[in-house]
Amino acid sequence: MTVANQAGRKADTLRRSPLAARADELAARSGAAVALAEEPFLTQVNLRVHPGSPAVARIEHALNLALPHHEPNLVSGDETAAALWLGPDEWLLVGPDGRAPDLLPALDEALADSLGSTVDVSANRTALRLSGPRARDVLEKVCSLDLHPRSFPPARCAQTMLGRTQAILWCLDRKPAYRLLVRNSYAAYLADLLLDAMQEFAAG
């Protein structure tokens, strides 16, 4: 949404995340056993490049991150700056709010004449953080993946269905904590789904 300032000289952009109006509700329905919160406005850049391309080394240097490609569904980096494997030649780069304007030119320079693409998809998805001792139990109610730490440990991600919506699921740590990247239009649905699954542990 954009509005003109009082002097009418300039239009200022006002951002509002998909779940901004429900922040207090999410906090109130969270507890020691499991907590749910939105992590809005993360930088998200979709990167496509062949893993054998000479551009990969330049991209990794620009990112100060390795692009995981030796094994599917790996994540390099940490929750502040990471590269998520989405496919044999596709990664999602995730970072703090506002990084895309600097990141995209650096990536395009690293690609140079190599075949590949970079697209800012930050406005496409919001992130939900599900954490706490019972977080995995909650996810298992809405996800068919094997989420046992032996199969889905930290630094793993997967594109999967959560209920009736597609999302990117990322295990952050062993507490456990998960980051769920979901399309903005399905954020309210996913929040409701998770809150319903959390009710069993509300007193925990």
Protein backbone atom coordinates (compact mmCIF):
# COMPACT_ATOMS: atom_id res chain seq x y z
CA MET A 1 0.00 0.00 0.00
CA THR A 2 1.32 3.49 -0.78
CA VAL A 3 0.15 6.83 0.55
CA ALA A 4 1.22 10.41 -0.19
CA ASN A 5 2.83 12.31 2.67
CA GLN A 6 1.19 15.43 4.05
CA ALA A 7 3.20 17.78 1.82
CA GLY A 8 2.24 15.72 -1.21
CA ARG A 9 5.84 15.74 -2.42
CA LYS A 10 6.53 12.05 -2.21
CA ALA A 11 4.76 8.71 -1.94
CA ASP A 12 5.98 6.61 0.96
CA THR A 13 5.55 2.87 0.85
CA LEU A 14 3.88 1.28 3.85
CA ARG A 15 4.50 -2.43 4.14
CA ARG A 16 2.17 -4.74 5.98
CA SER A 17 2.94 -8.42 6.26
CA PRO A 18 0.22 -11.04 5.71
CA LEU A 19 -0.06 -11.82 9.43
CA ALA A 20 0.74 -8.40 10.91
CA ALA A 21 -2.77 -8.04 12.33
CA ARG A 22 -2.45 -11.40 14.08
CA ALA A 23 0.91 -10.95 15.82
CA ASP A 24 -0.67 -10.60 19.26
CA GLU A 25 -2.90 -13.63 18.66
CA LEU A 26 0.05 -15.79 17.64
CA ALA A 27 1.98 -14.71 20.74
CA ALA A 28 -1.00 -15.32 23.04
CA ARG A 29 -1.56 -18.82 21.71
CA SER A 30 2.12 -19.76 21.95
CA GLY A 31 3.66 -21.28 25.04
CA ALA A 32 6.67 -23.05 26.48
CA ALA A 33 5.88 -26.25 24.57
CA VAL A 34 5.48 -24.67 21.14
CA ALA A 35 5.47 -21.14 19.76
CA LEU A 36 4.40 -19.67 16.44
CA ALA A 37 5.45 -16.29 15.05
CA GLU A 38 5.70 -14.59 11.69
CA GLU A 39 9.13 -13.59 10.38
CA PRO A 40 8.12 -11.00 7.78
CA PHE A 41 10.03 -9.38 4.94
CA LEU A 42 12.95 -11.78 4.63
CA THR A 43 15.01 -11.28 1.49
CA GLN A 44 14.41 -14.23 -0.84
CA VAL A 45 16.19 -14.59 -4.16
CA ASN A 46 15.68 -17.51 -6.53
CA LEU A 47 18.94 -18.53 -8.20
CA ARG A 48 19.21 -20.83 -11.21
CA VAL A 49 22.62 -21.95 -12.47
CA HIS A 50 24.18 -25.26 -13.48
CA PRO A 51 26.21 -26.61 -10.53
CA GLY A 52 29.12 -27.31 -12.87
CA SER A 53 29.20 -23.75 -14.21
CA PRO A 54 32.35 -21.69 -13.64
CA ALA A 55 30.01 -19.01 -12.28
CA VAL A 56 29.32 -21.08 -9.15
CA ALA A 57 32.69 -20.25 -7.57
CA ARG A 58 32.14 -16.55 -8.26
CA ILE A 59 28.63 -16.70 -6.81
CA GLU A 60 29.84 -18.49 -3.69
CA HIS A 61 32.52 -15.82 -3.27
CA ALA A 62 29.93 -13.05 -3.64
CA LEU A 63 27.63 -14.72 -1.11
CA ASN A 64 30.36 -15.95 1.21
CA LEU A 65 28.28 -19.14 1.18
CA ALA A 66 28.58 -22.52 -0.50
CA LEU A 67 25.78 -23.56 -2.83
CA PRO A 68 24.86 -27.06 -1.60
CA HIS A 69 24.64 -29.40 -4.58
CA HIS A 70 26.31 -32.68 -3.65
CA GLU A 71 23.18 -33.90 -1.85
CA PRO A 72 19.51 -32.85 -2.18
CA ASN A 73 17.66 -30.72 0.36
CA LEU A 74 20.71 -29.31 2.12
CA VAL A 75 21.03 -25.80 3.53
CA SER A 76 24.30 -23.90 3.84
CA GLY A 77 24.78 -20.92 6.12
CA ASP A 78 22.48 -20.17 9.03
CA GLU A 79 19.09 -18.60 9.60
CA THR A 80 20.46 -15.09 9.02
CA ALA A 81 21.93 -15.86 5.59
CA ALA A 82 21.47 -19.18 3.82
CA ALA A 83 21.29 -21.03 0.51
CA LEU A 84 18.54 -23.66 0.32
CA TRP A 85 18.71 -26.45 -2.27
CA LEU A 86 15.45 -26.55 -4.21
CA GLY A 87 16.54 -28.61 -7.21
CA PRO A 88 19.60 -29.78 -9.18
CA ASP A 89 20.16 -26.26 -10.55
CA GLU A 90 18.02 -24.14 -8.25
CA TRP A 91 18.53 -22.51 -4.85
CA LEU A 92 16.64 -20.08 -2.65
CA LEU A 93 18.88 -17.48 -1.06
CA VAL A 94 17.43 -16.18 2.21
CA GLY A 95 18.69 -13.19 4.16
CA PRO A 96 17.68 -10.20 6.25
CA ASP A 97 15.16 -7.64 5.10
CA GLY A 98 16.37 -5.24 2.42
CA ARG A 99 19.29 -7.23 1.04
CA ALA A 100 17.93 -7.78 -2.49
CA PRO A 101 19.00 -4.41 -3.99
CA ASP A 102 22.64 -5.15 -3.16
CA LEU A 103 22.49 -8.90 -3.67
CA LEU A 104 21.00 -9.02 -7.17
CA PRO A 105 23.68 -6.88 -8.90
CA ALA A 106 26.43 -8.87 -7.19
CA LEU A 107 24.90 -12.15 -8.35
CA ASP A 108 24.36 -10.88 -11.89
CA GLU A 109 27.99 -9.79 -12.03
CA ALA A 110 29.08 -13.21 -10.78
CA LEU A 111 26.94 -14.94 -13.41
CA ALA A 112 28.53 -12.77 -16.11
CA ASP A 113 28.01 -14.56 -19.44
CA SER A 114 27.13 -17.90 -17.85
CA LEU A 115 23.65 -19.34 -18.31
CA GLY A 116 21.55 -18.65 -15.25
CA SER A 117 19.06 -16.31 -13.62
CA THR A 118 18.35 -14.42 -10.42
CA VAL A 119 14.86 -13.30 -9.39
CA ASP A 120 13.81 -11.38 -6.29
CA VAL A 121 10.89 -13.38 -4.86
CA SER A 122 10.85 -11.68 -1.46
CA ALA A 123 7.29 -10.43 -1.96
CA ASN A 124 6.06 -13.89 -2.89
CA ARG A 125 6.29 -15.57 0.52
CA THR A 126 6.28 -14.78 4.19
CA ALA A 127 7.91 -16.94 6.85
CA LEU A 128 6.47 -18.59 9.93
CA ARG A 129 8.71 -19.76 12.76
CA LEU A 130 7.52 -22.79 14.70
CA SER A 131 9.68 -23.62 17.71
CA GLY A 132 9.71 -25.42 21.02
CA PRO A 133 9.97 -28.97 22.37
CA ARG A 134 6.67 -30.01 20.74
CA ALA A 135 7.18 -28.21 17.41
CA ARG A 136 7.91 -31.46 15.58
CA ASP A 137 4.76 -33.05 17.03
CA VAL A 138 2.72 -30.15 15.68
CA LEU A 139 4.27 -30.37 12.23
CA GLU A 140 3.70 -34.11 12.07
CA LYS A 141 -0.04 -33.44 12.27
CA VAL A 142 0.01 -31.42 9.03
CA CYS A 143 2.98 -32.85 7.10
CA SER A 144 3.54 -36.34 5.68
CA LEU A 145 7.35 -36.14 5.69
CA ASP A 146 9.43 -38.14 8.14
CA LEU A 147 10.55 -35.35 10.46
CA HIS A 148 12.57 -37.47 12.87
CA PRO A 149 16.00 -35.85 13.41
CA ARG A 150 17.65 -38.84 11.75
CA SER A 151 15.78 -38.03 8.53
CA PHE A 152 15.25 -34.28 8.80
CA PRO A 153 18.01 -32.78 10.95
CA PRO A 154 19.05 -29.12 11.14
CA ALA A 155 20.31 -27.63 7.86
CA ARG A 156 17.75 -29.60 5.86
CA CYS A 157 14.89 -28.24 3.80
CA ALA A 158 12.09 -29.64 1.66
CA GLN A 159 9.35 -28.41 -0.62
CA THR A 160 6.28 -30.16 0.71
CA MET A 161 2.57 -29.90 1.45
CA LEU A 162 1.43 -28.58 4.81
CA GLY A 163 -2.23 -29.35 4.92
CA ARG A 164 -3.51 -28.15 1.56
CA THR A 165 -0.78 -25.62 0.79
CA GLN A 166 2.71 -25.96 -0.62
CA ALA A 167 5.53 -24.57 1.50
CA ILE A 168 9.27 -24.75 1.96
CA LEU A 169 10.07 -26.39 5.29
CA TRP A 170 13.48 -25.67 6.84
CA CYS A 171 14.81 -27.20 10.06
CA LEU A 172 16.85 -24.54 11.85
CA ASP A 173 18.08 -26.30 14.98
CA ARG A 174 17.61 -29.21 17.35
CA LYS A 175 15.40 -27.42 19.91
CA PRO A 176 13.69 -27.83 17.44
CA ALA A 177 12.88 -24.71 15.45
CA TYR A 178 11.52 -24.67 11.92
CA ARG A 179 11.06 -21.93 9.36
CA LEU A 180 8.10 -22.34 7.01
CA LEU A 181 8.13 -20.26 3.84
CA VAL A 182 4.60 -19.98 2.46
CA ARG A 183 2.93 -17.90 -0.23
CA ASN A 184 1.41 -14.75 1.19
CA SER A 185 -2.10 -15.69 0.09
CA TYR A 186 -1.91 -18.93 2.10
CA ALA A 187 -0.26 -17.51 5.23
CA ALA A 188 -3.51 -17.13 7.17
CA TYR A 189 -4.59 -20.65 6.23
CA LEU A 190 -1.29 -22.12 7.40
CA ALA A 191 -1.33 -20.12 10.62
CA ASP A 192 -4.83 -21.38 11.41
CA LEU A 193 -3.79 -24.95 10.60
CA LEU A 194 -0.79 -24.78 12.93
CA LEU A 195 -2.70 -23.04 15.72
CA ASP A 196 -5.30 -25.79 15.60
CA ALA A 197 -2.56 -28.44 15.76
CA MET A 198 -0.96 -26.60 18.70
CA GLN A 199 -4.05 -26.67 20.90
CA GLU A 200 -3.14 -30.04 22.41
CA PHE A 201 0.07 -28.52 23.79
CA ALA A 202 -1.33 -25.13 24.84
CA ALA A 203 -0.86 -25.86 28.52
CA GLY A 204 2.67 -27.17 28.02
